[in-house]
């Protein structure tokens, strides 16, 4: 099982639309998550800062499932209007992938 964590920011005034998009997420997007072996995904926010955590069989399988999928292309284009990019100088795109420092599992 692999874990993935990313941080990103909503554009000013766009957070509520971002939240609504996920409350009303398209079935085509959840289908891609399932095809991509995603077992769980959670999104947290504080102000315009957004944090995503996911666990999946393979991060690469998830990326492969998204690649070239028409629904993902439409979703990504929409998200690009809601999220700042680049996240910071060290990132090429919207999402800044976080390095795992510590993990606890009982």
PDB file of N, CA and C in Angstrom:
ATOM      1  N   UNK A   1       0.852  -1.177   0.000  1.00  0.00           N
ATOM      2  CA  UNK A   1       0.000   0.000   0.000  1.00  0.00           C
ATOM      3  C   UNK A   1       0.892   1.233   0.000  1.00  0.00           C
ATOM      4  N   UNK A   2       0.583   2.171  -0.871  1.00  0.00           N
ATOM      5  CA  UNK A   2       1.315   3.432  -0.935  1.00  0.00           C
ATOM      6  C   UNK A   2       0.419   4.555  -0.433  1.00  0.00           C
ATOM      7  N   UNK A   3       1.046   5.565   0.160  1.00  0.00           N
ATOM      8  CA  UNK A   3       0.326   6.744   0.624  1.00  0.00           C
ATOM      9  C   UNK A   3       0.822   7.955  -0.146  1.00  0.00           C
ATOM     10  N   UNK A   4      -0.069   8.878  -0.377  1.00  0.00           N
ATOM     11  CA  UNK A   4       0.254  10.091  -1.116  1.00  0.00           C
ATOM     12  C   UNK A   4      -0.354  11.274  -0.374  1.00  0.00           C
ATOM     13  N   UNK A   5       0.419  12.334  -0.199  1.00  0.00           N
ATOM     14  CA  UNK A   5      -0.082  13.558   0.429  1.00  0.00           C
ATOM     15  C   UNK A   5       0.339  14.734  -0.432  1.00  0.00           C
ATOM     16  N   UNK A   6      -0.597  15.633  -0.658  1.00  0.00           N
ATOM     17  CA  UNK A   6      -0.321  16.818  -1.467  1.00  0.00           C
ATOM     18  C   UNK A   6      -0.966  18.025  -0.805  1.00  0.00           C
ATOM     19  N   UNK A   7      -0.375  19.168  -1.035  1.00  0.00           N
ATOM     20  CA  UNK A   7      -0.916  20.424  -0.534  1.00  0.00           C
ATOM     21  C   UNK A   7      -1.050  21.380  -1.719  1.00  0.00           C
ATOM     22  N   UNK A   8      -2.098  22.192  -1.676  1.00  0.00           N
ATOM     23  CA  UNK A   8      -2.321  23.168  -2.733  1.00  0.00           C
ATOM     24  C   UNK A   8      -3.235  24.258  -2.196  1.00  0.00           C
ATOM     25  N   UNK A   9      -3.474  25.297  -2.986  1.00  0.00           N
ATOM     26  CA  UNK A   9      -4.276  26.440  -2.545  1.00  0.00           C
ATOM     27  C   UNK A   9      -5.409  26.721  -3.526  1.00  0.00           C
ATOM     28  N   UNK A  10      -6.544  27.071  -2.944  1.00  0.00           N
ATOM     29  CA  UNK A  10      -7.655  27.557  -3.761  1.00  0.00           C
ATOM     30  C   UNK A  10      -7.359  28.997  -4.162  1.00  0.00           C
ATOM     31  N   UNK A  11      -7.761  29.349  -5.364  1.00  0.00           N
ATOM     32  CA  UNK A  11      -7.656  30.750  -5.783  1.00  0.00           C
ATOM     33  C   UNK A  11      -8.596  31.583  -4.909  1.00  0.00           C
ATOM     34  N   UNK A  12      -8.273  32.845  -4.698  1.00  0.00           N
ATOM     35  CA  UNK A  12      -9.158  33.695  -3.892  1.00  0.00           C
ATOM     36  C   UNK A  12     -10.599  33.633  -4.413  1.00  0.00           C
ATOM     37  N   UNK A  13     -11.524  33.378  -3.500  1.00  0.00           N
ATOM     38  CA  UNK A  13     -12.946  33.332  -3.843  1.00  0.00           C
ATOM     39  C   UNK A  13     -13.409  32.043  -4.503  1.00  0.00           C
ATOM     40  N   UNK A  14     -12.538  31.045  -4.651  1.00  0.00           N
ATOM     41  CA  UNK A  14     -12.901  29.815  -5.368  1.00  0.00           C
ATOM     42  C   UNK A  14     -13.042  28.586  -4.476  1.00  0.00           C
ATOM     43  N   UNK A  15     -12.762  28.736  -3.179  1.00  0.00           N
ATOM     44  CA  UNK A  15     -12.783  27.561  -2.314  1.00  0.00           C
ATOM     45  C   UNK A  15     -14.162  26.910  -2.261  1.00  0.00           C
ATOM     46  N   UNK A  16     -15.211  27.675  -2.154  1.00  0.00           N
ATOM     47  CA  UNK A  16     -16.549  27.087  -2.045  1.00  0.00           C
ATOM     48  C   UNK A  16     -16.917  26.302  -3.304  1.00  0.00           C
ATOM     49  N   UNK A  17     -16.518  26.779  -4.464  1.00  0.00           N
ATOM     50  CA  UNK A  17     -16.773  26.029  -5.694  1.00  0.00           C
ATOM     51  C   UNK A  17     -15.979  24.723  -5.689  1.00  0.00           C
ATOM     52  N   UNK A  18     -14.750  24.776  -5.185  1.00  0.00           N
ATOM     53  CA  UNK A  18     -13.923  23.571  -5.073  1.00  0.00           C
ATOM     54  C   UNK A  18     -14.598  22.556  -4.143  1.00  0.00           C
ATOM     55  N   UNK A  19     -15.065  23.021  -2.985  1.00  0.00           N
ATOM     56  CA  UNK A  19     -15.743  22.138  -2.039  1.00  0.00           C
ATOM     57  C   UNK A  19     -16.995  21.547  -2.674  1.00  0.00           C
ATOM     58  N   UNK A  20     -17.801  22.382  -3.319  1.00  0.00           N
ATOM     59  CA  UNK A  20     -19.026  21.912  -3.973  1.00  0.00           C
ATOM     60  C   UNK A  20     -18.719  20.864  -5.034  1.00  0.00           C
ATOM     61  N   UNK A  21     -17.630  21.066  -5.784  1.00  0.00           N
ATOM     62  CA  UNK A  21     -17.245  20.094  -6.812  1.00  0.00           C
ATOM     63  C   UNK A  21     -17.004  18.724  -6.194  1.00  0.00           C
ATOM     64  N   UNK A  22     -16.456  18.693  -4.997  1.00  0.00           N
ATOM     65  CA  UNK A  22     -16.167  17.407  -4.363  1.00  0.00           C
ATOM     66  C   UNK A  22     -17.375  16.824  -3.644  1.00  0.00           C
ATOM     67  N   UNK A  23     -18.274  17.674  -3.173  1.00  0.00           N
ATOM     68  CA  UNK A  23     -19.531  17.176  -2.607  1.00  0.00           C
ATOM     69  C   UNK A  23     -20.371  16.527  -3.709  1.00  0.00           C
ATOM     70  N   UNK A  24     -20.307  17.108  -4.895  1.00  0.00           N
ATOM     71  CA  UNK A  24     -21.078  16.619  -6.046  1.00  0.00           C
ATOM     72  C   UNK A  24     -20.162  15.961  -7.076  1.00  0.00           C
ATOM     73  N   UNK A  25     -19.138  15.241  -6.625  1.00  0.00           N
ATOM     74  CA  UNK A  25     -18.115  14.701  -7.522  1.00  0.00           C
ATOM     75  C   UNK A  25     -18.740  13.820  -8.607  1.00  0.00           C
ATOM     76  N   UNK A  26     -18.197  13.926  -9.795  1.00  0.00           N
ATOM     77  CA  UNK A  26     -18.718  13.169 -10.928  1.00  0.00           C
ATOM     78  C   UNK A  26     -18.445  11.680 -10.745  1.00  0.00           C
ATOM     79  N   UNK A  27     -19.392  10.831 -11.064  1.00  0.00           N
ATOM     80  CA  UNK A  27     -19.175   9.380 -10.975  1.00  0.00           C
ATOM     81  C   UNK A  27     -18.003   8.910 -11.853  1.00  0.00           C
ATOM     82  N   UNK A  28     -17.756   9.612 -12.948  1.00  0.00           N
ATOM     83  CA  UNK A  28     -16.629   9.233 -13.818  1.00  0.00           C
ATOM     84  C   UNK A  28     -15.293   9.407 -13.087  1.00  0.00           C
ATOM     85  N   UNK A  29     -15.230  10.373 -12.186  1.00  0.00           N
ATOM     86  CA  UNK A  29     -13.998  10.615 -11.439  1.00  0.00           C
ATOM     87  C   UNK A  29     -13.813   9.539 -10.373  1.00  0.00           C
ATOM     88  N   UNK A  30     -14.865   9.187  -9.657  1.00  0.00           N
ATOM     89  CA  UNK A  30     -14.721   8.121  -8.661  1.00  0.00           C
ATOM     90  C   UNK A  30     -14.426   6.784  -9.340  1.00  0.00           C
ATOM     91  N   UNK A  31     -14.911   6.594 -10.543  1.00  0.00           N
ATOM     92  CA  UNK A  31     -14.588   5.384 -11.300  1.00  0.00           C
ATOM     93  C   UNK A  31     -13.093   5.318 -11.612  1.00  0.00           C
ATOM     94  N   UNK A  32     -12.510   6.450 -11.985  1.00  0.00           N
ATOM     95  CA  UNK A  32     -11.066   6.501 -12.254  1.00  0.00           C
ATOM     96  C   UNK A  32     -10.284   6.212 -10.977  1.00  0.00           C
ATOM     97  N   UNK A  33     -10.758   6.727  -9.846  1.00  0.00           N
ATOM     98  CA  UNK A  33     -10.095   6.443  -8.575  1.00  0.00           C
ATOM     99  C   UNK A  33     -10.090   4.937  -8.310  1.00  0.00           C
ATOM    100  N   UNK A  34     -11.226   4.309  -8.522  1.00  0.00           N
ATOM    101  CA  UNK A  34     -11.307   2.863  -8.305  1.00  0.00           C
ATOM    102  C   UNK A  34     -10.413   2.101  -9.282  1.00  0.00           C
ATOM    103  N   UNK A  35     -10.436   2.479 -10.549  1.00  0.00           N
ATOM    104  CA  UNK A  35      -9.558   1.831 -11.541  1.00  0.00           C
ATOM    105  C   UNK A  35      -8.092   2.041 -11.199  1.00  0.00           C
ATOM    106  N   UNK A  36      -7.793   3.162 -10.580  1.00  0.00           N
ATOM    107  CA  UNK A  36      -6.424   3.495 -10.225  1.00  0.00           C
ATOM    108  C   UNK A  36      -5.981   2.931  -8.890  1.00  0.00           C
ATOM    109  N   UNK A  37      -6.746   2.018  -8.329  1.00  0.00           N
ATOM    110  CA  UNK A  37      -6.440   1.295  -7.085  1.00  0.00           C
ATOM    111  C   UNK A  37      -6.462   2.175  -5.834  1.00  0.00           C
ATOM    112  N   UNK A  38      -7.118   3.331  -5.903  1.00  0.00           N
ATOM    113  CA  UNK A  38      -7.231   4.190  -4.721  1.00  0.00           C
ATOM    114  C   UNK A  38      -8.190   3.533  -3.737  1.00  0.00           C
ATOM    115  N   UNK A  39      -7.719   3.329  -2.522  1.00  0.00           N
ATOM    116  CA  UNK A  39      -8.526   2.699  -1.473  1.00  0.00           C
ATOM    117  C   UNK A  39      -9.271   3.738  -0.648  1.00  0.00           C
ATOM    118  N   UNK A  40      -8.617   4.868  -0.413  1.00  0.00           N
ATOM    119  CA  UNK A  40      -9.272   5.967   0.289  1.00  0.00           C
ATOM    120  C   UNK A  40      -8.586   7.272  -0.074  1.00  0.00           C
ATOM    121  N   UNK A  41      -9.366   8.338  -0.041  1.00  0.00           N
ATOM    122  CA  UNK A  41      -8.839   9.664  -0.310  1.00  0.00           C
ATOM    123  C   UNK A  41      -9.622  10.629   0.577  1.00  0.00           C
ATOM    124  N   UNK A  42      -8.886  11.498   1.249  1.00  0.00           N
ATOM    125  CA  UNK A  42      -9.496  12.493   2.117  1.00  0.00           C
ATOM    126  C   UNK A  42      -8.900  13.843   1.781  1.00  0.00           C
ATOM    127  N   UNK A  43      -9.752  14.865   1.765  1.00  0.00           N
ATOM    128  CA  UNK A  43      -9.294  16.227   1.523  1.00  0.00           C
ATOM    129  C   UNK A  43      -9.672  17.060   2.742  1.00  0.00           C
ATOM    130  N   UNK A  44      -8.684  17.801   3.247  1.00  0.00           N
ATOM    131  CA  UNK A  44      -8.875  18.705   4.377  1.00  0.00           C
ATOM    132  C   UNK A  44      -8.591  20.125   3.895  1.00  0.00           C
ATOM    133  N   UNK A  45      -9.109  21.109   4.625  1.00  0.00           N
ATOM    134  CA  UNK A  45      -8.769  22.489   4.268  1.00  0.00           C
ATOM    135  C   UNK A  45      -8.695  23.343   5.524  1.00  0.00           C
ATOM    136  N   UNK A  46      -7.973  24.422   5.371  1.00  0.00           N
ATOM    137  CA  UNK A  46      -7.905  25.482   6.380  1.00  0.00           C
ATOM    138  C   UNK A  46      -7.726  26.775   5.601  1.00  0.00           C
ATOM    139  N   UNK A  47      -8.718  27.610   5.621  1.00  0.00           N
ATOM    140  CA  UNK A  47      -8.684  28.790   4.764  1.00  0.00           C
ATOM    141  C   UNK A  47      -8.608  28.325   3.318  1.00  0.00           C
ATOM    142  N   UNK A  48      -7.716  28.919   2.541  1.00  0.00           N
ATOM    143  CA  UNK A  48      -7.559  28.529   1.143  1.00  0.00           C
ATOM    144  C   UNK A  48      -6.545  27.401   0.950  1.00  0.00           C
ATOM    145  N   UNK A  49      -5.912  26.941   2.042  1.00  0.00           N
ATOM    146  CA  UNK A  49      -4.953  25.849   1.971  1.00  0.00           C
ATOM    147  C   UNK A  49      -5.707  24.524   1.950  1.00  0.00           C
ATOM    148  N   UNK A  50      -5.354  23.648   1.028  1.00  0.00           N
ATOM    149  CA  UNK A  50      -6.025  22.356   0.880  1.00  0.00           C
ATOM    150  C   UNK A  50      -4.978  21.257   0.973  1.00  0.00           C
ATOM    151  N   UNK A  51      -5.329  20.198   1.686  1.00  0.00           N
ATOM    152  CA  UNK A  51      -4.438  19.063   1.898  1.00  0.00           C
ATOM    153  C   UNK A  51      -5.169  17.792   1.485  1.00  0.00           C
ATOM    154  N   UNK A  52      -4.537  16.996   0.647  1.00  0.00           N
ATOM    155  CA  UNK A  52      -5.114  15.736   0.182  1.00  0.00           C
ATOM    156  C   UNK A  52      -4.250  14.590   0.684  1.00  0.00           C
ATOM    157  N   UNK A  53      -4.913  13.561   1.227  1.00  0.00           N
ATOM    158  CA  UNK A  53      -4.234  12.334   1.629  1.00  0.00           C
ATOM    159  C   UNK A  53      -4.947  11.167   0.982  1.00  0.00           C
ATOM    160  N   UNK A  54      -4.183  10.248   0.411  1.00  0.00           N
ATOM    161  CA  UNK A  54      -4.765   9.064  -0.223  1.00  0.00           C
ATOM    162  C   UNK A  54      -3.899   7.849   0.038  1.00  0.00           C
ATOM    163  N   UNK A  55      -4.544   6.705   0.088  1.00  0.00           N
ATOM    164  CA  UNK A  55      -3.808   5.444   0.123  1.00  0.00           C
ATOM    165  C   UNK A  55      -4.303   4.616  -1.056  1.00  0.00           C
ATOM    166  N   UNK A  56      -3.361   3.920  -1.675  1.00  0.00           N
ATOM    167  CA  UNK A  56      -3.674   3.182  -2.899  1.00  0.00           C
ATOM    168  C   UNK A  56      -2.662   2.065  -3.074  1.00  0.00           C
ATOM    169  N   UNK A  57      -3.003   1.122  -3.923  1.00  0.00           N
ATOM    170  CA  UNK A  57      -2.049   0.057  -4.217  1.00  0.00           C
ATOM    171  C   UNK A  57      -0.804   0.618  -4.881  1.00  0.00           C
ATOM    172  N   UNK A  58      -1.012   1.581  -5.793  1.00  0.00           N
ATOM    173  CA  UNK A  58       0.114   2.108  -6.560  1.00  0.00           C
ATOM    174  C   UNK A  58      -0.193   3.526  -7.026  1.00  0.00           C
ATOM    175  N   UNK A  59       0.670   4.465  -6.663  1.00  0.00           N
ATOM    176  CA  UNK A  59       0.516   5.843  -7.143  1.00  0.00           C
ATOM    177  C   UNK A  59       0.601   5.860  -8.662  1.00  0.00           C
ATOM    178  N   UNK A  60       1.496   5.075  -9.232  1.00  0.00           N
ATOM    179  CA  UNK A  60       1.642   5.036 -10.687  1.00  0.00           C
ATOM    180  C   UNK A  60       0.376   4.502 -11.357  1.00  0.00           C
ATOM    181  N   UNK A  61      -0.264   3.500 -10.766  1.00  0.00           N
ATOM    182  CA  UNK A  61      -1.517   2.967 -11.332  1.00  0.00           C
ATOM    183  C   UNK A  61      -2.599   4.039 -11.339  1.00  0.00           C
ATOM    184  N   UNK A  62      -2.636   4.860 -10.295  1.00  0.00           N
ATOM    185  CA  UNK A  62      -3.605   5.956 -10.244  1.00  0.00           C
ATOM    186  C   UNK A  62      -3.317   6.969 -11.346  1.00  0.00           C
ATOM    187  N   UNK A  63      -2.061   7.321 -11.501  1.00  0.00           N
ATOM    188  CA  UNK A  63      -1.694   8.275 -12.557  1.00  0.00           C
ATOM    189  C   UNK A  63      -1.986   7.698 -13.940  1.00  0.00           C
ATOM    190  N   UNK A  64      -1.713   6.412 -14.125  1.00  0.00           N
ATOM    191  CA  UNK A  64      -1.998   5.767 -15.404  1.00  0.00           C
ATOM    192  C   UNK A  64      -3.493   5.762 -15.710  1.00  0.00           C
ATOM    193  N   UNK A  65      -4.320   5.527 -14.696  1.00  0.00           N
ATOM    194  CA  UNK A  65      -5.776   5.515 -14.890  1.00  0.00           C
ATOM    195  C   UNK A  65      -6.289   6.892 -15.311  1.00  0.00           C
ATOM    196  N   UNK A  66      -5.651   7.941 -14.824  1.00  0.00           N
ATOM    197  CA  UNK A  66      -6.056   9.308 -15.178  1.00  0.00           C
ATOM    198  C   UNK A  66      -5.596   9.724 -16.569  1.00  0.00           C
ATOM    199  N   UNK A  67      -4.446   9.214 -16.969  1.00  0.00           N
ATOM    200  CA  UNK A  67      -3.803   9.633 -18.215  1.00  0.00           C
ATOM    201  C   UNK A  67      -4.689   9.386 -19.427  1.00  0.00           C
ATOM    202  N   UNK A  68      -5.054  10.453 -20.114  1.00  0.00           N
ATOM    203  CA  UNK A  68      -5.852  10.352 -21.331  1.00  0.00           C
ATOM    204  C   UNK A  68      -7.335  10.138 -21.110  1.00  0.00           C
ATOM    205  N   UNK A  69      -7.791  10.057 -19.877  1.00  0.00           N
ATOM    206  CA  UNK A  69      -9.214   9.870 -19.610  1.00  0.00           C
ATOM    207  C   UNK A  69      -9.944  11.195 -19.849  1.00  0.00           C
ATOM    208  N   UNK A  70     -10.963  11.209 -20.721  1.00  0.00           N
ATOM    209  CA  UNK A  70     -11.653  12.466 -21.045  1.00  0.00           C
ATOM    210  C   UNK A  70     -12.287  13.157 -19.839  1.00  0.00           C
ATOM    211  N   UNK A  71     -12.871  12.388 -18.917  1.00  0.00           N
ATOM    212  CA  UNK A  71     -13.476  13.002 -17.731  1.00  0.00           C
ATOM    213  C   UNK A  71     -12.398  13.649 -16.868  1.00  0.00           C
ATOM    214  N   UNK A  72     -11.254  12.994 -16.726  1.00  0.00           N
ATOM    215  CA  UNK A  72     -10.150  13.570 -15.946  1.00  0.00           C
ATOM    216  C   UNK A  72      -9.622  14.836 -16.605  1.00  0.00           C
ATOM    217  N   UNK A  73      -9.574  14.842 -17.922  1.00  0.00           N
ATOM    218  CA  UNK A  73      -9.106  16.045 -18.622  1.00  0.00           C
ATOM    219  C   UNK A  73     -10.050  17.214 -18.363  1.00  0.00           C
ATOM    220  N   UNK A  74     -11.376  16.970 -18.401  1.00  0.00           N
ATOM    221  CA  UNK A  74     -12.350  18.030 -18.116  1.00  0.00           C
ATOM    222  C   UNK A  74     -12.251  18.470 -16.652  1.00  0.00           C
ATOM    223  N   UNK A  75     -12.141  17.485 -15.744  1.00  0.00           N
ATOM    224  CA  UNK A  75     -12.024  17.780 -14.312  1.00  0.00           C
ATOM    225  C   UNK A  75     -10.775  18.607 -14.038  1.00  0.00           C
ATOM    226  N   UNK A  76      -9.639  18.185 -14.600  1.00  0.00           N
ATOM    227  CA  UNK A  76      -8.380  18.892 -14.379  1.00  0.00           C
ATOM    228  C   UNK A  76      -8.432  20.322 -14.916  1.00  0.00           C
ATOM    229  N   UNK A  77      -9.082  20.509 -16.051  1.00  0.00           N
ATOM    230  CA  UNK A  77      -9.224  21.852 -16.617  1.00  0.00           C
ATOM    231  C   UNK A  77     -10.066  22.729 -15.690  1.00  0.00           C
ATOM    232  N   UNK A  78     -11.121  22.160 -15.144  1.00  0.00           N
ATOM    233  CA  UNK A  78     -11.968  22.893 -14.195  1.00  0.00           C
ATOM    234  C   UNK A  78     -11.182  23.218 -12.932  1.00  0.00           C
ATOM    235  N   UNK A  79     -10.470  22.223 -12.366  1.00  0.00           N
ATOM    236  CA  UNK A  79      -9.698  22.444 -11.147  1.00  0.00           C
ATOM    237  C   UNK A  79      -8.629  23.509 -11.365  1.00  0.00           C
ATOM    238  N   UNK A  80      -8.075  23.585 -12.559  1.00  0.00           N
ATOM    239  CA  UNK A  80      -7.055  24.602 -12.864  1.00  0.00           C
ATOM    240  C   UNK A  80      -7.627  26.014 -12.741  1.00  0.00           C
ATOM    241  N   UNK A  81      -8.941  26.173 -12.900  1.00  0.00           N
ATOM    242  CA  UNK A  81      -9.559  27.496 -12.729  1.00  0.00           C
ATOM    243  C   UNK A  81      -9.810  27.810 -11.260  1.00  0.00           C
ATOM    244  N   UNK A  82      -9.775  26.787 -10.404  1.00  0.00           N
ATOM    245  CA  UNK A  82     -10.085  26.954  -8.984  1.00  0.00           C
ATOM    246  C   UNK A  82      -8.850  26.985  -8.095  1.00  0.00           C
ATOM    247  N   UNK A  83      -7.736  26.438  -8.582  1.00  0.00           N
ATOM    248  CA  UNK A  83      -6.546  26.277  -7.760  1.00  0.00           C
ATOM    249  C   UNK A  83      -5.397  27.100  -8.300  1.00  0.00           C
ATOM    250  N   UNK A  84      -4.600  27.652  -7.388  1.00  0.00           N
ATOM    251  CA  UNK A  84      -3.429  28.436  -7.785  1.00  0.00           C
ATOM    252  C   UNK A  84      -2.374  27.517  -8.389  1.00  0.00           C
ATOM    253  N   UNK A  85      -1.685  28.025  -9.393  1.00  0.00           N
ATOM    254  CA  UNK A  85      -0.541  27.284  -9.921  1.00  0.00           C
ATOM    255  C   UNK A  85       0.475  28.245 -10.478  1.00  0.00           C
ATOM    256  N   UNK A  86       1.741  27.960 -10.324  1.00  0.00           N
ATOM    257  CA  UNK A  86       2.243  26.817  -9.549  1.00  0.00           C
ATOM    258  C   UNK A  86       2.050  27.053  -8.062  1.00  0.00           C
ATOM    259  N   UNK A  87       2.099  25.969  -7.290  1.00  0.00           N
ATOM    260  CA  UNK A  87       1.923  26.083  -5.838  1.00  0.00           C
ATOM    261  C   UNK A  87       3.037  26.947  -5.249  1.00  0.00           C
ATOM    262  N   UNK A  88       4.252  26.666  -5.649  1.00  0.00           N
ATOM    263  CA  UNK A  88       5.392  27.477  -5.219  1.00  0.00           C
ATOM    264  C   UNK A  88       6.496  27.360  -6.270  1.00  0.00           C
ATOM    265  N   UNK A  89       7.595  28.002  -6.040  1.00  0.00           N
ATOM    266  CA  UNK A  89       8.670  28.028  -7.036  1.00  0.00           C
ATOM    267  C   UNK A  89       9.243  26.652  -7.333  1.00  0.00           C
ATOM    268  N   UNK A  90       9.146  25.728  -6.378  1.00  0.00           N
ATOM    269  CA  UNK A  90       9.709  24.400  -6.565  1.00  0.00           C
ATOM    270  C   UNK A  90       8.809  23.431  -7.300  1.00  0.00           C
ATOM    271  N   UNK A  91       7.602  23.840  -7.617  1.00  0.00           N
ATOM    272  CA  UNK A  91       6.629  22.945  -8.258  1.00  0.00           C
ATOM    273  C   UNK A  91       6.311  23.411  -9.666  1.00  0.00           C
ATOM    274  N   UNK A  92       6.080  22.459 -10.531  1.00  0.00           N
ATOM    275  CA  UNK A  92       5.728  22.765 -11.914  1.00  0.00           C
ATOM    276  C   UNK A  92       4.219  22.948 -12.089  1.00  0.00           C
ATOM    277  N   UNK A  93       3.427  22.410 -11.173  1.00  0.00           N
ATOM    278  CA  UNK A  93       1.982  22.453 -11.354  1.00  0.00           C
ATOM    279  C   UNK A  93       1.253  22.892 -10.105  1.00  0.00           C
ATOM    280  N   UNK A  94       0.009  22.496 -10.037  1.00  0.00           N
ATOM    281  CA  UNK A  94      -0.890  22.900  -8.963  1.00  0.00           C
ATOM    282  C   UNK A  94      -0.511  22.249  -7.638  1.00  0.00           C
ATOM    283  N   UNK A  95      -0.143  20.965  -7.679  1.00  0.00           N
ATOM    284  CA  UNK A  95       0.014  20.168  -6.465  1.00  0.00           C
ATOM    285  C   UNK A  95       1.464  20.071  -6.024  1.00  0.00           C
ATOM    286  N   UNK A  96       1.693  20.288  -4.746  1.00  0.00           N
ATOM    287  CA  UNK A  96       3.013  20.096  -4.159  1.00  0.00           C
ATOM    288  C   UNK A  96       2.958  18.784  -3.378  1.00  0.00           C
ATOM    289  N   UNK A  97       3.658  17.775  -3.867  1.00  0.00           N
ATOM    290  CA  UNK A  97       3.665  16.491  -3.185  1.00  0.00           C
ATOM    291  C   UNK A  97       4.511  16.594  -1.931  1.00  0.00           C
ATOM    292  N   UNK A  98       4.005  16.042  -0.837  1.00  0.00           N
ATOM    293  CA  UNK A  98       4.687  16.107   0.440  1.00  0.00           C
ATOM    294  C   UNK A  98       5.514  14.846   0.680  1.00  0.00           C
ATOM    295  N   UNK A  99       6.615  15.023   1.363  1.00  0.00           N
ATOM    296  CA  UNK A  99       7.467  13.906   1.739  1.00  0.00           C
ATOM    297  C   UNK A  99       6.955  13.316   3.047  1.00  0.00           C
ATOM    298  N   UNK A 100       6.799  12.000   3.078  1.00  0.00           N
ATOM    299  CA  UNK A 100       6.365  11.362   4.322  1.00  0.00           C
ATOM    300  C   UNK A 100       7.514  11.356   5.323  1.00  0.00           C
ATOM    301  N   UNK A 101       7.243  11.851   6.526  1.00  0.00           N
ATOM    302  CA  UNK A 101       8.249  11.944   7.571  1.00  0.00           C
ATOM    303  C   UNK A 101       8.039  10.861   8.627  1.00  0.00           C
ATOM    304  N   UNK A 102       6.782  10.584   8.966  1.00  0.00           N
ATOM    305  CA  UNK A 102       6.490   9.639  10.032  1.00  0.00           C
ATOM    306  C   UNK A 102       5.108   9.064   9.814  1.00  0.00           C
ATOM    307  N   UNK A 103       4.922   7.806  10.171  1.00  0.00           N
ATOM    308  CA  UNK A 103       3.625   7.135  10.039  1.00  0.00           C
ATOM    309  C   UNK A 103       3.433   6.222  11.226  1.00  0.00           C
ATOM    310  N   UNK A 104       2.233   6.215  11.792  1.00  0.00           N
ATOM    311  CA  UNK A 104       1.882   5.309  12.887  1.00  0.00           C
ATOM    312  C   UNK A 104       0.662   4.522  12.471  1.00  0.00           C
ATOM    313  N   UNK A 105       0.710   3.231  12.750  1.00  0.00           N
ATOM    314  CA  UNK A 105      -0.454   2.374  12.512  1.00  0.00           C
ATOM    315  C   UNK A 105      -0.541   1.413  13.674  1.00  0.00           C
ATOM    316  N   UNK A 106      -1.691   1.376  14.331  1.00  0.00           N
ATOM    317  CA  UNK A 106      -1.882   0.478  15.487  1.00  0.00           C
ATOM    318  C   UNK A 106      -2.151  -0.937  15.017  1.00  0.00           C
TER     319      UNK A 106
END
